[in-house]
Amino acid sequence: MTNKLKRYDVVVVGNVGIDTNVYFYGDPNFDVESNYTLNIDCVGQAGGYSARGFAQLGYRTAFIGYIGDDFTGHFIRQEFERDGIHQEGLFIDPTGTGRSVNFMYQDSRRKNFYDGKAHMVLQPDVHKCREILAQATFAHFSIPNWARLLLPIAKELHLPISCDLQDVLDVHDPYRRDFLQAADIVFFSAVNVINPELMMHEIFGEFPEKILICGMGAAGCALATKDRIDYFAAVELPDPVIDTNGAGDGLAVGFTSSYVLENYPIQDAILRGQLAARWTCTQKGTSSNLVTRKLLDYYFEQKRGMQ
């Protein structure tokens, strides 16, 4: 449950930056120099979508991450301030603000080009980060390299930890190993995984106590606990899917806020996560209009009444 004795409900630890989403009107022709596209910039990346998602749901949210001392970094600060996200842990990357370019195809495929700036070598102020984490009910991590330095602190503080491994290829990937070991709740995308169930069994062979959630796009999602693996079909909302950016973050935010902060039963929390993800897919090129608590509650009661 949310702890009123704590300053924050959640601390999001991860990357934030500017996403440039390039929407193709048809099949691009890379044999010629120019194509006509719709290009939209927004605050994005896993940490950006997650922090804004928690804040939009009304949770007291702090962020630990990096921006540059540049135009895009200043814009992110303004957007976080508007959202009410606490920024004591928003540090400066001397190489600039992270960027992503997403090629968005009309059939919902996405091709991502990621520039994490100096995230592989940055060294966060661990004392400041400890102060922030100590004031939180739980921590949600994405996987910039520097974030692994904060995992032991979150463990020492006995915080529940969720982590999004994103487009993991191999459960034995050494880069993701620290994050997998530390997290109580693990999210990953099936986009690069042929057999998600096999990957879940591999993880449980070593870490049977974890909760695993696999986002599978239009196929729905899978939930694995030590006892079973359940599959959930994708949910529908009145508005169509027009942009899948941030959907995985919506799944994580909807689930963890419901399960960790509100004590919903795990399958209800999955539904709320799916609804948050599906709502995200109705928003084109923006993280500024993520699902609200009122709207999530409305769709949840509607869907649960249909079961």
Protein backbone atom coordinates (compact mmCIF):
# COMPACT_ATOMS: atom_id res chain seq x y z
CA MET A 1 0.00 0.00 0.00
CA THR A 2 1.02 3.63 -0.40
CA ASN A 3 2.86 4.72 2.74
CA LYS A 4 1.97 8.23 3.88
CA LEU A 5 5.05 8.23 6.12
CA LYS A 6 7.18 8.13 2.99
CA ARG A 7 7.72 11.18 0.80
CA TYR A 8 7.36 9.22 -2.46
CA ASP A 9 5.19 6.34 -3.57
CA VAL A 10 7.69 5.39 -6.26
CA VAL A 11 11.14 6.30 -7.46
CA VAL A 12 11.74 5.69 -11.16
CA VAL A 13 15.39 4.97 -11.96
CA GLY A 14 16.26 5.04 -15.63
CA ASN A 15 16.77 6.82 -18.91
CA VAL A 16 14.79 9.78 -20.09
CA GLY A 17 15.32 11.61 -23.35
CA ILE A 18 13.68 12.92 -26.46
CA ASP A 19 12.08 10.49 -28.89
CA THR A 20 11.85 11.52 -32.52
CA ASN A 21 9.09 9.40 -33.99
CA VAL A 22 9.17 9.15 -37.78
CA TYR A 23 5.79 8.02 -39.13
CA PHE A 24 5.78 6.59 -42.65
CA TYR A 25 2.76 7.32 -44.83
CA GLY A 26 3.50 4.18 -46.84
CA ASP A 27 6.41 1.85 -47.45
CA PRO A 28 9.59 3.96 -47.37
CA ASN A 29 11.88 3.87 -50.38
CA PHE A 30 15.44 3.80 -49.10
CA ASP A 31 16.79 3.72 -52.66
CA VAL A 32 16.08 7.44 -53.01
CA GLU A 33 17.42 10.33 -50.97
CA SER A 34 14.17 11.73 -49.57
CA ASN A 35 10.95 10.33 -48.15
CA TYR A 36 7.99 12.34 -46.90
CA THR A 37 7.14 11.52 -43.28
CA LEU A 38 5.44 12.91 -40.18
CA ASN A 39 8.11 13.61 -37.54
CA ILE A 40 7.08 14.23 -33.90
CA ASP A 41 9.34 14.83 -30.89
CA CYS A 42 8.27 13.94 -27.34
CA VAL A 43 9.64 13.13 -23.90
CA GLY A 44 10.31 9.42 -24.06
CA GLN A 45 12.44 6.39 -23.26
CA ALA A 46 11.58 3.90 -20.54
CA GLY A 47 12.25 6.17 -17.58
CA GLY A 48 10.40 9.08 -19.11
CA TYR A 49 7.26 7.12 -19.96
CA SER A 50 7.27 5.34 -16.60
CA ALA A 51 7.75 8.43 -14.44
CA ARG A 52 5.07 10.32 -16.34
CA GLY A 53 2.77 7.31 -16.14
CA PHE A 54 2.99 7.05 -12.36
CA ALA A 55 2.56 10.81 -11.97
CA GLN A 56 -0.49 10.86 -14.25
CA LEU A 57 -2.07 8.20 -12.04
CA GLY A 58 -1.62 10.53 -9.08
CA TYR A 59 1.32 8.84 -7.36
CA ARG A 60 4.04 10.83 -5.64
CA THR A 61 6.86 10.20 -8.07
CA ALA A 62 10.58 10.93 -7.92
CA PHE A 63 13.01 10.39 -10.77
CA ILE A 64 16.68 9.43 -10.81
CA GLY A 65 18.34 9.84 -14.17
CA TYR A 66 20.29 12.11 -16.49
CA ILE A 67 19.63 14.88 -18.98
CA GLY A 68 21.97 17.28 -20.74
CA ASP A 69 22.34 20.97 -20.01
CA ASP A 70 20.79 21.70 -23.38
CA PHE A 71 17.51 22.68 -24.99
CA THR A 72 16.02 19.19 -24.85
CA GLY A 73 17.12 18.69 -21.25
CA HIS A 74 15.47 21.96 -20.24
CA PHE A 75 12.29 20.87 -22.00
CA ILE A 76 12.25 17.59 -20.04
CA ARG A 77 12.66 19.53 -16.79
CA GLN A 78 9.68 21.71 -17.70
CA GLU A 79 7.52 18.70 -18.55
CA PHE A 80 8.49 16.87 -15.34
CA GLU A 81 7.73 20.00 -13.33
CA ARG A 82 4.32 20.24 -14.97
CA ASP A 83 3.69 16.60 -14.04
CA GLY A 84 4.76 17.13 -10.43
CA ILE A 85 7.69 14.71 -10.71
CA HIS A 86 10.38 15.37 -8.09
CA GLN A 87 13.72 16.11 -9.74
CA GLU A 88 16.33 16.06 -6.97
CA GLY A 89 17.86 13.03 -8.68
CA LEU A 90 17.90 14.52 -12.18
CA PHE A 91 21.64 14.80 -12.89
CA ILE A 92 23.57 16.29 -15.81
CA ASP A 93 25.15 14.18 -18.54
CA PRO A 94 28.00 16.31 -19.94
CA THR A 95 27.55 14.75 -23.38
CA GLY A 96 23.93 15.88 -23.66
CA THR A 97 20.39 14.56 -23.42
CA GLY A 98 19.70 11.03 -24.62
CA ARG A 99 17.89 10.62 -27.92
CA SER A 100 15.93 7.94 -29.71
CA VAL A 101 14.71 7.83 -33.29
CA ASN A 102 11.80 5.49 -33.95
CA PHE A 103 10.79 4.51 -37.47
CA MET A 104 7.06 3.87 -37.24
CA TYR A 105 5.56 1.71 -39.99
CA GLN A 106 1.87 1.69 -40.86
CA ASP A 107 1.55 -1.98 -39.84
CA SER A 108 2.63 -1.02 -36.26
CA ARG A 109 6.20 -2.24 -36.66
CA ARG A 110 8.84 -0.07 -35.02
CA LYS A 111 12.57 0.19 -35.62
CA ASN A 112 14.45 1.99 -32.86
CA PHE A 113 17.79 3.81 -33.01
CA TYR A 114 19.00 4.66 -29.51
CA ASP A 115 21.63 7.17 -28.42
CA GLY A 116 22.13 6.86 -24.67
CA LYS A 117 24.93 9.46 -24.61
CA ALA A 118 27.32 8.67 -21.72
CA HIS A 119 25.08 6.24 -19.83
CA MET A 120 27.70 3.49 -19.98
CA VAL A 121 30.24 5.52 -17.95
CA LEU A 122 28.20 7.90 -15.80
CA GLN A 123 28.63 7.67 -12.01
CA PRO A 124 25.56 8.86 -10.10
CA ASP A 125 25.80 10.55 -6.71
CA VAL A 126 25.04 7.44 -4.66
CA HIS A 127 24.58 9.40 -1.43
CA LYS A 128 21.93 11.62 -2.97
CA CYS A 129 20.32 8.59 -4.60
CA ARG A 130 20.21 6.76 -1.27
CA GLU A 131 18.45 9.75 0.31
CA ILE A 132 15.82 9.69 -2.42
CA LEU A 133 15.32 5.93 -2.41
CA ALA A 134 15.03 5.87 1.39
CA GLN A 135 11.95 8.08 1.11
CA ALA A 136 10.10 5.76 -1.29
CA THR A 137 7.67 2.87 -1.03
CA PHE A 138 9.12 1.06 -4.03
CA ALA A 139 11.52 1.50 -6.96
CA HIS A 140 11.01 0.88 -10.67
CA PHE A 141 14.18 0.46 -12.75
CA SER A 142 14.97 0.50 -16.42
CA ILE A 143 18.43 -0.57 -17.52
CA PRO A 144 20.96 2.22 -18.17
CA ASN A 145 24.39 0.98 -17.17
CA TRP A 146 24.81 3.44 -14.29
CA ALA A 147 21.52 2.29 -12.69
CA ARG A 148 23.07 -1.04 -11.64
CA LEU A 149 25.07 0.91 -9.04
CA LEU A 150 21.82 1.76 -7.25
CA LEU A 151 20.41 -1.77 -7.12
CA PRO A 152 22.34 -2.74 -3.94
CA ILE A 153 21.11 0.43 -2.24
CA ALA A 154 17.49 -0.35 -3.06
CA LYS A 155 18.01 -3.91 -1.76
CA GLU A 156 19.61 -2.66 1.47
CA LEU A 157 16.60 -0.39 2.00
CA HIS A 158 14.30 -3.42 1.53
CA LEU A 159 12.39 -1.71 -1.27
CA PRO A 160 10.29 -3.82 -3.59
CA ILE A 161 12.02 -3.55 -6.98
CA SER A 162 10.49 -3.89 -10.41
CA CYS A 163 12.61 -3.80 -13.53
CA ASP A 164 11.93 -3.74 -17.26
CA LEU A 165 14.54 -5.79 -19.14
CA GLN A 166 12.98 -4.48 -22.38
CA ASP A 167 13.90 -6.28 -25.63
CA VAL A 168 15.99 -9.01 -24.02
CA LEU A 169 17.49 -11.64 -26.32
CA ASP A 170 19.00 -14.08 -23.84
CA VAL A 171 18.23 -14.73 -20.18
CA HIS A 172 21.99 -15.10 -19.64
CA ASP A 173 22.79 -11.68 -21.09
CA PRO A 174 25.56 -10.36 -18.79
CA TYR A 175 24.47 -6.73 -19.22
CA ARG A 176 21.02 -7.45 -17.77
CA ARG A 177 22.21 -9.91 -15.13
CA ASP A 178 22.39 -7.49 -12.19
CA PHE A 179 18.91 -6.16 -12.95
CA LEU A 180 17.43 -9.64 -13.24
CA GLN A 181 18.98 -10.75 -9.96
CA ALA A 182 17.84 -7.70 -7.99
CA ALA A 183 14.26 -7.34 -9.21
CA ASP A 184 11.25 -8.84 -7.46
CA ILE A 185 9.03 -8.15 -10.49
CA VAL A 186 10.57 -8.54 -13.95
CA PHE A 187 9.08 -7.23 -17.18
CA PHE A 188 10.37 -8.06 -20.64
CA SER A 189 9.24 -7.79 -24.23
CA ALA A 190 8.70 -10.78 -26.49
CA VAL A 191 9.70 -8.79 -29.58
CA ASN A 192 13.07 -10.61 -29.84
CA VAL A 193 12.05 -13.84 -28.10
CA ILE A 194 10.85 -16.84 -30.12
CA ASN A 195 9.57 -18.75 -27.08
CA PRO A 196 8.73 -16.50 -24.08
CA GLU A 197 7.52 -19.48 -22.03
CA LEU A 198 10.90 -21.17 -22.37
CA MET A 199 12.62 -17.99 -21.22
CA MET A 200 10.32 -17.80 -18.20
CA HIS A 201 11.12 -21.39 -17.27
CA GLU A 202 14.83 -20.62 -17.59
CA ILE A 203 14.50 -17.68 -15.21
CA PHE A 204 12.46 -19.72 -12.72
CA GLY A 205 15.11 -22.42 -12.78
CA GLU A 206 17.39 -19.95 -11.04
CA PHE A 207 15.02 -17.42 -9.48
CA PRO A 208 11.77 -19.21 -8.55
CA GLU A 209 10.58 -16.41 -6.26
CA LYS A 210 10.18 -13.76 -8.97
CA ILE A 211 7.07 -12.49 -10.71
CA LEU A 212 7.59 -12.38 -14.48
CA ILE A 213 5.49 -10.46 -16.98
CA CYS A 214 6.06 -10.67 -20.71
CA GLY A 215 4.51 -8.12 -23.03
CA MET A 216 3.57 -9.72 -26.35
CA GLY A 217 2.02 -6.83 -28.25
CA ALA A 218 -1.15 -7.71 -30.12
CA ALA A 219 -0.97 -11.23 -28.64
CA GLY A 220 -1.49 -9.87 -25.11
CA CYS A 221 0.82 -10.73 -22.24
CA ALA A 222 1.97 -13.59 -20.03
CA LEU A 223 2.22 -13.71 -16.24
CA ALA A 224 4.46 -16.26 -14.57
CA THR A 225 4.75 -17.07 -10.89
CA LYS A 226 6.43 -20.07 -9.29
CA ASP A 227 3.19 -22.04 -9.59
CA ARG A 228 2.02 -21.35 -13.13
CA ILE A 229 2.13 -19.36 -16.36
CA ASP A 230 -1.05 -17.61 -17.46
CA TYR A 231 -1.73 -15.93 -20.80
CA PHE A 232 -4.00 -12.93 -21.24
CA ALA A 233 -5.43 -11.81 -24.55
CA ALA A 234 -4.96 -8.20 -25.55
CA VAL A 235 -7.67 -5.86 -24.31
CA GLU A 236 -9.65 -3.53 -26.55
CA LEU A 237 -10.64 0.09 -26.04
CA PRO A 238 -12.87 2.28 -28.21
CA ASP A 239 -9.97 4.20 -29.77
CA PRO A 240 -7.70 2.36 -32.23
CA VAL A 241 -4.04 1.46 -31.78
CA ILE A 242 -2.05 4.19 -33.52
CA ASP A 243 1.34 4.18 -31.76
CA THR A 244 2.97 1.44 -29.66
CA ASN A 245 5.71 3.62 -28.16
CA GLY A 246 5.59 3.41 -24.36
CA ALA A 247 3.15 0.49 -24.27
CA GLY A 248 5.52 -1.73 -22.30
CA ASP A 249 6.05 1.06 -19.80
CA GLY A 250 2.28 1.42 -19.48
CA LEU A 251 2.02 -2.29 -18.70
CA ALA A 252 4.67 -1.97 -15.99
CA VAL A 253 3.18 1.18 -14.47
CA GLY A 254 -0.38 -0.13 -14.48
CA PHE A 255 0.61 -3.45 -12.95
CA THR A 256 3.05 -2.27 -10.27
CA SER A 257 0.90 0.64 -9.13
CA SER A 258 -2.03 -1.73 -8.71
CA TYR A 259 -0.19 -4.72 -7.26
CA VAL A 260 2.50 -3.06 -5.13
CA LEU A 261 0.87 0.22 -4.13
CA GLU A 262 -2.83 -0.70 -4.05
CA ASN A 263 -2.77 -4.43 -3.17
CA TYR A 264 -4.96 -5.52 -6.07
CA PRO A 265 -5.05 -9.29 -6.69
CA ILE A 266 -2.39 -10.18 -9.22
CA GLN A 267 -4.75 -10.95 -12.11
CA ASP A 268 -6.66 -7.71 -11.57
CA ALA A 269 -3.32 -5.90 -11.57
CA ILE A 270 -2.48 -7.53 -14.90
CA LEU A 271 -5.74 -6.26 -16.39
CA ARG A 272 -5.03 -2.76 -15.13
CA GLY A 273 -1.55 -2.95 -16.61
CA GLN A 274 -2.96 -4.05 -19.95
CA LEU A 275 -5.48 -1.22 -19.91
CA ALA A 276 -2.76 1.34 -19.19
CA ALA A 277 -0.68 -0.10 -22.04
CA ARG A 278 -3.61 -0.12 -24.45
CA TRP A 279 -4.47 3.49 -23.61
CA THR A 280 -0.86 4.47 -24.33
CA CYS A 281 -1.27 3.00 -27.82
CA THR A 282 -4.06 5.48 -28.57
CA GLN A 283 -1.68 8.44 -28.17
CA LYS A 284 0.39 9.45 -31.19
CA GLY A 285 3.84 10.82 -30.57
CA THR A 286 3.30 11.99 -27.00
CA SER A 287 3.82 10.93 -23.39
CA SER A 288 1.87 13.93 -22.10
CA ASN A 289 -1.57 12.31 -22.08
CA LEU A 290 -1.12 8.96 -20.37
CA VAL A 291 -4.01 7.27 -18.61
CA THR A 292 -5.43 8.90 -15.47
CA ARG A 293 -6.53 7.08 -12.31
CA LYS A 294 -10.17 7.96 -13.00
CA LEU A 295 -10.05 6.62 -16.54
CA LEU A 296 -8.13 3.49 -15.57
CA ASP A 297 -10.64 2.74 -12.82
CA TYR A 298 -13.51 3.26 -15.26
CA TYR A 299 -12.14 0.88 -17.89
CA PHE A 300 -11.16 -1.65 -15.22
CA GLU A 301 -14.67 -1.81 -13.76
CA GLN A 302 -16.11 -2.01 -17.25
CA LYS A 303 -13.85 -4.89 -18.30
CA ARG A 304 -14.18 -6.75 -15.02
CA GLY A 305 -17.96 -6.57 -15.32
CA MET A 306 -17.71 -8.32 -18.68
CA GLN A 307 -15.72 -11.27 -17.32
